[in-house]
Amino acid sequence: MSETDAGHAPTLRTRTRRRVTTAPPPGSDPAPPREPDRHRLDENDERLTAEKPPHY
């Protein structure tokens, strides 16, 4: 006779966290501003097409 047959609800295991959660440092902003763009999307295209491996 199993637990469900006897009218008992099956026990559910709660998932434990695998990583430590810490409090944010004092004075930190929970919604920081967006980081500025550092480069254009096509900035390295010319350089990448010019570089060929030695076996080509």
Protein backbone atom coordinates (compact mmCIF):
# COMPACT_ATOMS: atom_id res chain seq x y z
CA MET A 1 0.00 0.00 0.00
CA SER A 2 1.54 3.34 -1.04
CA GLU A 3 1.09 6.76 0.57
CA THR A 4 -1.35 7.91 -2.12
CA ASP A 5 -3.46 4.79 -1.61
CA ALA A 6 -3.71 5.46 2.12
CA GLY A 7 -5.08 8.97 1.51
CA HIS A 8 -1.89 10.83 2.35
CA ALA A 9 -0.63 13.54 0.04
CA PRO A 10 2.86 12.88 -1.35
CA THR A 11 5.54 15.04 0.26
CA LEU A 12 7.07 17.67 -1.98
CA ARG A 13 10.72 18.56 -1.60
CA THR A 14 11.58 22.21 -1.90
CA ARG A 15 14.54 23.06 -4.05
CA THR A 16 17.46 24.52 -2.18
CA ARG A 17 19.59 27.24 -3.72
CA ARG A 18 23.00 26.22 -4.98
CA ARG A 19 24.43 29.74 -4.86
CA VAL A 20 24.83 32.10 -1.99
CA THR A 21 22.68 35.21 -2.06
CA THR A 22 24.07 38.24 -0.29
CA ALA A 23 22.66 41.65 0.43
CA PRO A 24 23.67 44.40 -2.03
CA PRO A 25 26.38 46.78 -0.83
CA PRO A 26 25.12 49.94 0.85
CA GLY A 27 24.47 52.79 -1.56
CA SER A 28 24.17 50.58 -4.64
CA ASP A 29 21.49 51.36 -7.22
CA PRO A 30 19.04 48.50 -7.91
CA ALA A 31 18.41 49.86 -11.45
CA PRO A 32 21.73 51.24 -12.78
CA PRO A 33 21.80 53.30 -15.99
CA ARG A 34 22.55 51.58 -19.30
CA GLU A 35 26.23 51.24 -20.15
CA PRO A 36 27.32 53.46 -23.08
CA ASP A 37 28.20 51.87 -26.43
CA ARG A 38 31.93 51.23 -26.69
CA HIS A 39 32.26 50.52 -30.40
CA ARG A 40 30.34 50.28 -33.64
CA LEU A 41 29.05 46.89 -34.77
CA ASP A 42 31.10 47.00 -37.99
CA GLU A 43 34.30 48.35 -36.40
CA ASN A 44 36.34 45.13 -36.79
CA ASP A 45 34.89 43.85 -40.08
CA GLU A 46 37.72 45.14 -42.27
CA ARG A 47 40.36 43.83 -39.90
CA LEU A 48 38.74 40.39 -39.63
CA THR A 49 38.44 39.96 -43.40
CA ALA A 50 42.08 40.99 -43.88
CA GLU A 51 43.40 38.45 -41.37
CA LYS A 52 43.75 35.03 -42.97
CA PRO A 53 45.21 31.93 -41.35
CA PRO A 54 48.60 30.91 -42.79
CA HIS A 55 47.25 27.73 -44.42
CA TYR A 56 44.88 29.61 -46.75
